[in-house]
Every structure is written in C-alpha cells, then in structure tokens.
Amino acid sequence: NNNNNKFKREQNNQLFDNNDCPVKLTRSGYNCNPSLSTLKNMTENQLKEIVDFIISREGHGSILFYGKTDLLSEYCYDLDSIVHIEPMSVEVYPIGWNGDQIQQ
C-alpha cells in the first residue's frame, strides 16, 4: 500500500515514515537530543514544540536551543545547513546561509 510509505495525517497530528521525516542531521560526529531516531517517531505537532533541543558534535561541543523549537520551520529542519560545530568555533545560520543552503 502506497500510504504505508507516506505519513498519516489526523488533524495536524502527523506521523512520519522514517524516510519522510523532514528533520535532517547526517554529518559524521553530530548528534541531537532528542535523538534523530526519536524525532523520526514524533508527530508533526511534537516536532513543532521540541523543548530545549540540543545539537552536539562529539569532542567539540554542543548548542542548546532554549525553550520550544519548531523543527518543521523552514529555517530549522535542515540541521546540516544551519549548525556548524568546529574546534574553537560554533556557527548557527552561518554567513551565506539564505534559508535553503549555503551560498558559495
């Protein structure tokens, strides 16, 4: 059934298939709390209200988004593009970021 590969929607209580969850964090050494596997099992409403969301890079540091974060916002779901944690440096929404990608 094609519906099994897509998400179910019930009055904004959307549940995503693991491949359909729009939250993206694929770079090596990066993690988040709640974990990406936990996020992929959340509803749309839950992803819009993540409390004290943390992104970390092993051995380098972490960023806490204090309070509620909407991970489905057009500015937040692609975590690979908006967060860069390097030795002695952290960037959130780096210079050149235009909401879609880094402009080179």
Protein backbone atom coordinates (compact mmCIF):
# COMPACT_ATOMS: atom_id res chain seq x y z
CA ASN A 1 0.00 0.00 0.00
CA ASN A 2 1.44 3.38 -1.03
CA ASN A 3 0.01 5.00 2.11
CA ASN A 4 2.45 2.99 4.26
CA ASN A 5 5.39 4.79 2.62
CA LYS A 6 3.93 8.21 3.34
CA PHE A 7 2.80 9.86 6.52
CA LYS A 8 -0.60 9.69 8.17
CA ARG A 9 -2.38 12.92 8.98
CA GLU A 10 -5.05 13.35 11.61
CA GLN A 11 -5.80 16.99 12.47
CA ASN A 12 -2.15 18.11 12.45
CA ASN A 13 -1.14 15.02 14.38
CA GLN A 14 1.01 13.84 11.51
CA LEU A 15 3.16 10.75 11.95
CA PHE A 16 6.10 10.46 9.54
CA ASP A 17 7.56 7.35 7.99
CA ASN A 18 11.29 7.17 8.84
CA ASN A 19 12.20 8.14 5.28
CA ASP A 20 9.73 11.04 5.16
CA CYS A 21 10.69 12.88 8.35
CA PRO A 22 12.00 16.25 7.17
CA VAL A 23 14.49 16.75 10.03
CA LYS A 24 17.99 16.30 8.57
CA LEU A 25 21.22 15.67 10.52
CA THR A 26 23.59 13.46 8.54
CA ARG A 27 27.10 14.79 9.19
CA SER A 28 29.54 12.46 10.90
CA GLY A 29 30.01 13.01 14.63
CA TYR A 30 26.87 15.16 15.04
CA ASN A 31 24.06 14.11 17.37
CA CYS A 32 20.95 15.66 18.78
CA ASN A 33 18.75 15.35 21.83
CA PRO A 34 16.11 14.11 21.40
CA SER A 35 17.90 11.68 19.09
CA LEU A 36 17.20 11.61 15.37
CA SER A 37 15.54 8.19 15.73
CA THR A 38 13.24 9.65 18.40
CA LEU A 39 12.43 12.66 16.21
CA LYS A 40 11.52 10.36 13.32
CA ASN A 41 8.87 8.75 15.52
CA MET A 42 7.27 12.04 16.59
CA THR A 43 4.13 13.59 15.21
CA GLU A 44 4.09 16.89 13.35
CA ASN A 45 2.78 18.67 16.45
CA GLN A 46 5.55 17.22 18.60
CA LEU A 47 8.24 18.28 16.11
CA LYS A 48 6.91 21.83 16.26
CA GLU A 49 7.44 22.05 20.04
CA ILE A 50 10.76 20.41 20.97
CA VAL A 51 11.77 21.73 24.39
CA ASP A 52 15.48 22.53 24.98
CA PHE A 53 16.70 20.93 21.76
CA ILE A 54 20.44 20.16 21.70
CA ILE A 55 22.79 19.59 18.77
CA SER A 56 26.27 18.33 19.61
CA ARG A 57 29.42 17.26 17.84
CA GLU A 58 31.46 14.62 19.58
CA GLY A 59 34.66 16.05 21.02
CA HIS A 60 33.82 19.65 20.09
CA GLY A 61 30.76 20.93 21.92
CA SER A 62 27.02 21.48 21.77
CA ILE A 63 24.34 24.07 21.18
CA LEU A 64 21.19 24.31 23.29
CA PHE A 65 18.10 25.85 21.68
CA TYR A 66 16.49 27.03 24.90
CA GLY A 67 12.71 26.76 25.19
CA LYS A 68 10.50 25.48 22.38
CA THR A 69 11.95 24.90 18.90
CA ASP A 70 9.87 24.23 15.80
CA LEU A 71 11.95 21.71 13.85
CA LEU A 72 9.49 21.86 10.96
CA SER A 73 10.15 25.57 10.45
CA GLU A 74 11.69 26.32 7.07
CA TYR A 75 14.75 27.59 8.98
CA CYS A 76 15.31 24.63 11.30
CA TYR A 77 14.63 21.26 9.70
CA ASP A 78 17.95 21.06 7.75
CA LEU A 79 20.30 20.94 10.71
CA ASP A 80 23.25 20.08 8.44
CA SER A 81 22.97 23.53 6.86
CA ILE A 82 22.31 25.68 9.89
CA VAL A 83 24.69 24.33 12.55
CA HIS A 84 28.46 24.00 12.26
CA ILE A 85 30.50 22.98 15.31
CA GLU A 86 34.25 23.04 14.76
CA PRO A 87 37.24 23.16 17.11
CA MET A 88 37.02 26.52 18.95
CA SER A 89 34.15 27.67 16.69
CA VAL A 90 30.37 27.38 16.53
CA GLU A 91 28.13 28.80 13.81
CA VAL A 92 24.36 28.83 13.71
CA TYR A 93 22.86 30.14 10.48
CA PRO A 94 26.35 30.78 9.02
CA ILE A 95 27.22 33.70 6.77
CA GLY A 96 25.91 32.98 3.30
CA TRP A 97 23.00 30.91 4.57
CA ASN A 98 19.86 32.01 2.75
CA GLY A 99 17.23 29.70 4.20
CA ASP A 100 17.82 26.97 1.62
CA GLN A 101 21.55 26.39 1.51
CA ILE A 102 24.96 27.90 1.97
CA GLN A 103 25.80 30.21 -0.93
CA GLN A 104 29.34 29.58 -2.15
